Amino acid sequence: MDYTSIGKNIKKYRLERGLRQEALAEMTNLSSNYIGMLERADKLPSLTALINLSNALEVTSDMLLGDLLNESYKIKNSLILDKIAKLSEKEQRRIYAVIDMLLEYAEK
């Protein structure tokens, strides 16, 4: 199993929050070297580290593990639907038209 997505997700959410590795390390009681190793997939986080990272990044653990979970597409679909719901009705129609076109293409 490829665990690189965990590190990519940690880095993604860290950057989205404008945090440096050092700041995240301080928030989680981990070393900045350890954060770097996690992001490069040189190490896997312990359960305690995963919980601390989730809390510090204000994300759920499934958001960090999403690509490894069997339910990841359900999670992603839910997140996408939440984003679409925040759009205007016109933008929602536009996005659903694109999705319909992609689905029609995929079925061929």
C-alpha atoms as a PDB file:
ATOM      1  CA  MET A   1       0.000   0.000   0.000  1.00  0.00           C
ATOM      2  CA  ASP A   2       1.275   3.470  -0.900  1.00  0.00           C
ATOM      3  CA  TYR A   3       1.183   5.780   2.103  1.00  0.00           C
ATOM      4  CA  THR A   4       2.557   8.896   0.385  1.00  0.00           C
ATOM      5  CA  SER A   5      -0.915  10.451   0.287  1.00  0.00           C
ATOM      6  CA  ILE A   6      -0.854  10.884   4.085  1.00  0.00           C
ATOM      7  CA  GLY A   7       2.199  13.115   3.855  1.00  0.00           C
ATOM      8  CA  LYS A   8       0.790  14.982   0.870  1.00  0.00           C
ATOM      9  CA  ASN A   9      -2.434  15.642   2.760  1.00  0.00           C
ATOM     10  CA  ILE A  10      -0.593  16.826   5.868  1.00  0.00           C
ATOM     11  CA  LYS A  11       1.411  19.241   3.740  1.00  0.00           C
ATOM     12  CA  LYS A  12      -1.652  20.376   1.786  1.00  0.00           C
ATOM     13  CA  TYR A  13      -3.651  21.270   4.897  1.00  0.00           C
ATOM     14  CA  ARG A  14      -0.604  22.801   6.593  1.00  0.00           C
ATOM     15  CA  LEU A  15      -0.044  25.098   3.622  1.00  0.00           C
ATOM     16  CA  GLU A  16      -3.759  25.928   3.371  1.00  0.00           C
ATOM     17  CA  ARG A  17      -3.542  27.199   6.939  1.00  0.00           C
ATOM     18  CA  GLY A  18      -0.376  29.148   6.212  1.00  0.00           C
ATOM     19  CA  LEU A  19       1.674  27.152   8.704  1.00  0.00           C
ATOM     20  CA  ARG A  20       5.366  26.397   8.510  1.00  0.00           C
ATOM     21  CA  GLN A  21       6.558  22.958   9.576  1.00  0.00           C
ATOM     22  CA  GLU A  22       8.011  24.516  12.721  1.00  0.00           C
ATOM     23  CA  ALA A  23       4.666  26.031  13.723  1.00  0.00           C
ATOM     24  CA  LEU A  24       2.823  22.757  13.131  1.00  0.00           C
ATOM     25  CA  ALA A  25       5.482  20.913  15.098  1.00  0.00           C
ATOM     26  CA  GLU A  26       5.010  23.271  18.036  1.00  0.00           C
ATOM     27  CA  MET A  27       1.219  22.911  17.899  1.00  0.00           C
ATOM     28  CA  THR A  28       1.453  19.107  17.931  1.00  0.00           C
ATOM     29  CA  ASN A  29       4.403  18.586  20.285  1.00  0.00           C
ATOM     30  CA  LEU A  30       6.296  16.935  17.437  1.00  0.00           C
ATOM     31  CA  SER A  31       9.642  17.929  15.970  1.00  0.00           C
ATOM     32  CA  SER A  32       9.830  19.837  12.705  1.00  0.00           C
ATOM     33  CA  ASN A  33      12.137  17.075  11.421  1.00  0.00           C
ATOM     34  CA  TYR A  34       9.385  14.527  12.144  1.00  0.00           C
ATOM     35  CA  ILE A  35       6.804  16.688  10.325  1.00  0.00           C
ATOM     36  CA  GLY A  36       9.166  16.796   7.335  1.00  0.00           C
ATOM     37  CA  MET A  37       9.616  13.033   7.414  1.00  0.00           C
ATOM     38  CA  LEU A  38       5.834  12.557   7.510  1.00  0.00           C
ATOM     39  CA  GLU A  39       5.320  14.910   4.576  1.00  0.00           C
ATOM     40  CA  ARG A  40       7.972  13.071   2.537  1.00  0.00           C
ATOM     41  CA  ALA A  41       6.449   9.715   3.538  1.00  0.00           C
ATOM     42  CA  ASP A  42       9.703   8.659   5.179  1.00  0.00           C
ATOM     43  CA  LYS A  43       7.657   7.793   8.275  1.00  0.00           C
ATOM     44  CA  LEU A  44       4.058   6.967   9.107  1.00  0.00           C
ATOM     45  CA  PRO A  45       2.442   8.918  11.931  1.00  0.00           C
ATOM     46  CA  SER A  46       1.557   7.127  15.124  1.00  0.00           C
ATOM     47  CA  LEU A  47      -2.078   7.209  16.156  1.00  0.00           C
ATOM     48  CA  THR A  48      -1.314   9.915  18.720  1.00  0.00           C
ATOM     49  CA  ALA A  49       0.555  11.985  16.126  1.00  0.00           C
ATOM     50  CA  LEU A  50      -2.295  11.565  13.629  1.00  0.00           C
ATOM     51  CA  ILE A  51      -4.822  12.789  16.202  1.00  0.00           C
ATOM     52  CA  ASN A  52      -2.620  15.744  17.153  1.00  0.00           C
ATOM     53  CA  LEU A  53      -2.109  16.655  13.501  1.00  0.00           C
ATOM     54  CA  SER A  54      -5.837  16.397  12.767  1.00  0.00           C
ATOM     55  CA  ASN A  55      -6.648  18.673  15.687  1.00  0.00           C
ATOM     56  CA  ALA A  56      -3.926  21.205  14.850  1.00  0.00           C
ATOM     57  CA  LEU A  57      -4.890  21.322  11.164  1.00  0.00           C
ATOM     58  CA  GLU A  58      -8.606  21.394  12.040  1.00  0.00           C
ATOM     59  CA  VAL A  59      -9.371  18.463   9.751  1.00  0.00           C
ATOM     60  CA  THR A  60     -10.721  14.991  10.379  1.00  0.00           C
ATOM     61  CA  SER A  61      -8.407  12.011  10.302  1.00  0.00           C
ATOM     62  CA  ASP A  62     -10.244  10.683   7.257  1.00  0.00           C
ATOM     63  CA  MET A  63      -9.218  13.851   5.420  1.00  0.00           C
ATOM     64  CA  LEU A  64      -5.581  12.959   6.131  1.00  0.00           C
ATOM     65  CA  LEU A  65      -6.102   9.260   5.339  1.00  0.00           C
ATOM     66  CA  GLY A  66      -8.783   9.731   2.653  1.00  0.00           C
ATOM     67  CA  ASP A  67      -6.920   8.227  -0.294  1.00  0.00           C
ATOM     68  CA  LEU A  68      -6.258   5.064   1.709  1.00  0.00           C
ATOM     69  CA  LEU A  69      -9.778   4.485   2.960  1.00  0.00           C
ATOM     70  CA  ASN A  70     -12.332   2.395   1.122  1.00  0.00           C
ATOM     71  CA  GLU A  71     -14.891   5.092   1.810  1.00  0.00           C
ATOM     72  CA  SER A  72     -12.739   7.924   0.419  1.00  0.00           C
ATOM     73  CA  TYR A  73     -14.952   8.564  -2.615  1.00  0.00           C
ATOM     74  CA  LYS A  74     -18.008   8.946  -0.395  1.00  0.00           C
ATOM     75  CA  ILE A  75     -16.076  11.448   1.703  1.00  0.00           C
ATOM     76  CA  LYS A  76     -14.862  13.350  -1.364  1.00  0.00           C
ATOM     77  CA  ASN A  77     -18.356  13.368  -2.862  1.00  0.00           C
ATOM     78  CA  SER A  78     -19.755  14.810   0.330  1.00  0.00           C
ATOM     79  CA  LEU A  79     -17.099  17.548   0.434  1.00  0.00           C
ATOM     80  CA  ILE A  80     -17.729  18.409  -3.216  1.00  0.00           C
ATOM     81  CA  LEU A  81     -21.485  18.556  -2.688  1.00  0.00           C
ATOM     82  CA  ASP A  82     -20.954  20.899   0.260  1.00  0.00           C
ATOM     83  CA  LYS A  83     -18.878  23.218  -1.934  1.00  0.00           C
ATOM     84  CA  ILE A  84     -21.426  23.133  -4.762  1.00  0.00           C
ATOM     85  CA  ALA A  85     -24.272  23.934  -2.355  1.00  0.00           C
ATOM     86  CA  LYS A  86     -22.558  27.212  -1.468  1.00  0.00           C
ATOM     87  CA  LEU A  87     -22.612  28.387  -5.099  1.00  0.00           C
ATOM     88  CA  SER A  88     -25.316  30.375  -6.826  1.00  0.00           C
ATOM     89  CA  GLU A  89     -28.042  28.443  -8.618  1.00  0.00           C
ATOM     90  CA  LYS A  90     -26.577  29.505 -11.980  1.00  0.00           C
ATOM     91  CA  GLU A  91     -23.127  28.181 -11.058  1.00  0.00           C
ATOM     92  CA  GLN A  92     -24.642  24.959  -9.732  1.00  0.00           C
ATOM     93  CA  ARG A  93     -26.447  24.373 -13.046  1.00  0.00           C
ATOM     94  CA  ARG A  94     -23.199  25.009 -14.924  1.00  0.00           C
ATOM     95  CA  ILE A  95     -21.259  22.511 -12.792  1.00  0.00           C
ATOM     96  CA  TYR A  96     -23.964  19.852 -13.041  1.00  0.00           C
ATOM     97  CA  ALA A  97     -24.017  20.285 -16.854  1.00  0.00           C
ATOM     98  CA  VAL A  98     -20.267  19.599 -16.944  1.00  0.00           C
ATOM     99  CA  ILE A  99     -20.687  16.580 -14.666  1.00  0.00           C
ATOM    100  CA  ASP A 100     -23.495  15.227 -16.859  1.00  0.00           C
ATOM    101  CA  MET A 101     -21.291  15.620 -19.936  1.00  0.00           C
ATOM    102  CA  LEU A 102     -18.387  13.817 -18.234  1.00  0.00           C
ATOM    103  CA  LEU A 103     -20.681  10.996 -17.127  1.00  0.00           C
ATOM    104  CA  GLU A 104     -22.052  10.626 -20.629  1.00  0.00           C
ATOM    105  CA  TYR A 105     -18.481  10.413 -21.954  1.00  0.00           C
ATOM    106  CA  ALA A 106     -17.493   7.876 -19.271  1.00  0.00           C
ATOM    107  CA  GLU A 107     -20.386   5.585 -20.149  1.00  0.00           C
ATOM    108  CA  LYS A 108     -19.193   5.205 -23.754  1.00  0.00           C
END
